[in-house]
Amino acid sequence: DGSVTDGWYYIKNTNSGKYLQVANNTGGNSVNVEIGSGTGAASQKWYVKNAGNGYVTLKNGLGYMLDVQYGADSDGTNIQTYTANGADAQLFMIKKTATSNIYGITTKVSKDAKALDVYNFGKSDGTNVCQWQYNATSNQTWTFEAAK
């Protein structure tokens, strides 16, 4: 909805206080996305780019896009990184919640019915991020912290 402007951010989960990151700070296709303690690593930096119609792309500091695996629409579909390809699997909507500066991140492949979800309300480093029915619960809400 344009509430987050283009630029580099750290994306922090409101339930765990951990950051959206790429596993093992590794760039590549089909690399898993999880949460982890803030380190400032390139794998925790995301470039938000407004792509039109309310959607954004999220590219990490290693040069790969946030991506819904296989562009699937089902609950539990894994979130990974992949080379930019212009597919709907790489388009997300940043949705305002009732709380200022806290957002849900829904997936275009689910027609915005599903969102980035920290599996089972996990709080430990390495907890997986998947796509799940969007309820704006704390494991599905995020803050955007400006990064340099």
Protein backbone atom coordinates (compact mmCIF):
# COMPACT_ATOMS: atom_id res chain seq x y z
CA ASP A 1 0.00 0.00 0.00
CA GLY A 2 3.03 2.28 -0.44
CA SER A 3 3.42 2.70 3.32
CA VAL A 4 7.01 1.47 3.11
CA THR A 5 9.14 3.47 0.67
CA ASP A 6 11.83 2.03 -1.58
CA GLY A 7 15.07 1.39 0.25
CA TRP A 8 17.12 -1.00 2.39
CA TYR A 9 15.56 -2.46 5.54
CA TYR A 10 15.98 -5.02 8.26
CA ILE A 11 12.62 -6.79 8.64
CA LYS A 12 11.95 -7.81 12.25
CA ASN A 13 9.27 -10.26 13.41
CA THR A 14 7.13 -8.79 16.20
CA ASN A 15 6.68 -12.10 18.06
CA SER A 16 10.29 -13.28 18.19
CA GLY A 17 12.20 -10.01 17.85
CA LYS A 18 14.32 -11.84 15.24
CA TYR A 19 15.09 -10.78 11.68
CA LEU A 20 14.09 -12.18 8.31
CA GLN A 21 17.28 -13.70 6.90
CA VAL A 22 18.71 -16.15 4.40
CA ALA A 23 20.07 -19.35 5.96
CA ASN A 24 23.85 -19.39 6.47
CA ASN A 25 24.22 -15.91 4.89
CA THR A 26 24.30 -17.70 1.52
CA GLY A 27 23.30 -16.24 -1.83
CA GLY A 28 21.68 -18.52 -4.38
CA ASN A 29 18.57 -20.11 -5.81
CA SER A 30 16.33 -22.17 -3.50
CA VAL A 31 18.17 -21.06 -0.34
CA ASN A 32 15.91 -21.20 2.73
CA VAL A 33 14.58 -18.10 4.50
CA GLU A 34 14.33 -18.13 8.30
CA ILE A 35 14.61 -15.81 11.30
CA GLY A 36 17.77 -14.99 13.22
CA SER A 37 19.33 -12.63 15.74
CA GLY A 38 20.34 -9.27 14.30
CA THR A 39 23.88 -9.28 12.98
CA GLY A 40 23.69 -6.73 10.16
CA ALA A 41 24.76 -9.42 7.66
CA ALA A 42 23.91 -8.95 3.98
CA SER A 43 21.46 -11.84 4.29
CA GLN A 44 19.38 -9.76 6.74
CA LYS A 45 19.20 -6.65 4.55
CA TRP A 46 16.25 -6.39 2.15
CA TYR A 47 15.70 -3.82 -0.58
CA VAL A 48 12.02 -2.92 -0.84
CA LYS A 49 11.07 -1.81 -4.35
CA ASN A 50 7.52 -0.74 -5.09
CA ALA A 51 6.46 -2.62 -8.23
CA GLY A 52 3.02 -1.08 -8.78
CA ASN A 53 -0.55 -2.08 -7.87
CA GLY A 54 0.42 -2.14 -4.18
CA TYR A 55 3.08 -4.84 -4.60
CA VAL A 56 6.76 -4.81 -3.75
CA THR A 57 9.76 -6.98 -4.44
CA LEU A 58 12.24 -7.79 -1.67
CA LYS A 59 15.85 -8.33 -2.73
CA ASN A 60 18.42 -9.30 -0.12
CA GLY A 61 21.91 -7.90 0.25
CA LEU A 62 23.28 -10.99 -1.52
CA GLY A 63 21.35 -10.11 -4.68
CA TYR A 64 18.51 -12.64 -4.60
CA MET A 65 14.76 -12.10 -4.42
CA LEU A 66 12.39 -13.28 -1.70
CA ASP A 67 10.34 -15.99 -3.41
CA VAL A 68 7.40 -18.31 -2.67
CA GLN A 69 8.70 -21.78 -3.61
CA TYR A 70 7.22 -22.99 -6.92
CA GLY A 71 4.73 -20.09 -6.79
CA ALA A 72 2.43 -22.37 -4.77
CA ASP A 73 -0.70 -21.12 -3.04
CA SER A 74 -0.91 -23.62 -0.15
CA ASP A 75 -0.40 -23.16 3.59
CA GLY A 76 3.10 -24.19 4.60
CA THR A 77 4.71 -23.40 1.24
CA ASN A 78 8.34 -22.57 1.94
CA ILE A 79 9.82 -19.11 1.48
CA GLN A 80 13.21 -19.08 -0.25
CA THR A 81 15.46 -16.87 -2.35
CA TYR A 82 15.71 -17.01 -6.11
CA THR A 83 17.11 -15.03 -9.05
CA ALA A 84 14.81 -12.19 -10.11
CA ASN A 85 12.38 -13.51 -12.74
CA GLY A 86 9.39 -11.18 -12.63
CA ALA A 87 7.02 -13.95 -11.48
CA ASP A 88 4.13 -13.42 -9.05
CA ALA A 89 6.04 -15.66 -6.60
CA GLN A 90 8.34 -12.65 -6.04
CA LEU A 91 5.60 -10.07 -5.42
CA PHE A 92 4.40 -9.20 -1.93
CA MET A 93 2.02 -6.66 -0.39
CA ILE A 94 2.97 -4.84 2.79
CA LYS A 95 -0.30 -4.51 4.72
CA LYS A 96 -0.92 -2.07 7.53
CA THR A 97 -2.23 -3.53 10.79
CA ALA A 98 -4.18 -1.85 13.59
CA THR A 99 -0.82 -0.98 15.20
CA SER A 100 1.24 1.83 13.70
CA ASN A 101 4.43 0.73 11.89
CA ILE A 102 3.60 -2.99 12.16
CA TYR A 103 2.82 -4.80 8.91
CA GLY A 104 1.82 -8.13 7.45
CA ILE A 105 3.56 -9.25 4.25
CA THR A 106 1.11 -11.09 1.99
CA THR A 107 1.90 -13.07 -1.14
CA LYS A 108 0.51 -12.28 -4.58
CA VAL A 109 0.41 -15.99 -5.50
CA SER A 110 -2.25 -16.47 -2.77
CA LYS A 111 -4.19 -13.37 -3.89
CA ASP A 112 -3.01 -11.87 -0.57
CA ALA A 113 -4.86 -14.49 1.51
CA LYS A 114 -1.56 -15.85 2.86
CA ALA A 115 1.43 -14.12 4.40
CA LEU A 116 5.00 -14.61 5.57
CA ASP A 117 4.68 -16.68 8.74
CA VAL A 118 7.28 -17.70 11.34
CA TYR A 119 6.44 -21.37 11.73
CA ASN A 120 4.53 -22.30 14.88
CA PHE A 121 5.30 -18.94 16.59
CA GLY A 122 8.97 -19.97 16.80
CA LYS A 123 11.41 -17.63 18.53
CA SER A 124 14.78 -19.36 18.07
CA ASP A 125 17.40 -18.64 15.43
CA GLY A 126 16.83 -20.79 12.37
CA THR A 127 13.03 -21.07 12.73
CA ASN A 128 11.59 -21.48 9.25
CA VAL A 129 9.52 -18.87 7.43
CA CYS A 130 6.68 -20.19 5.29
CA GLN A 131 3.43 -18.92 3.80
CA TRP A 132 0.25 -19.36 5.87
CA GLN A 133 -3.33 -18.09 5.99
CA TYR A 134 -3.07 -14.42 6.99
CA ASN A 135 -4.50 -13.56 10.41
CA ALA A 136 -2.15 -10.69 11.39
CA THR A 137 -1.00 -12.70 14.42
CA SER A 138 2.38 -11.76 15.92
CA ASN A 139 4.22 -14.53 14.06
CA GLN A 140 2.96 -12.90 10.82
CA THR A 141 3.69 -9.25 11.61
CA TRP A 142 6.87 -7.32 11.01
CA THR A 143 8.55 -3.96 11.49
CA PHE A 144 10.82 -2.36 8.90
CA GLU A 145 14.02 -0.83 10.29
CA ALA A 146 15.99 1.39 7.94
CA ALA A 147 19.35 -0.14 7.00
CA LYS A 148 22.32 1.48 5.31
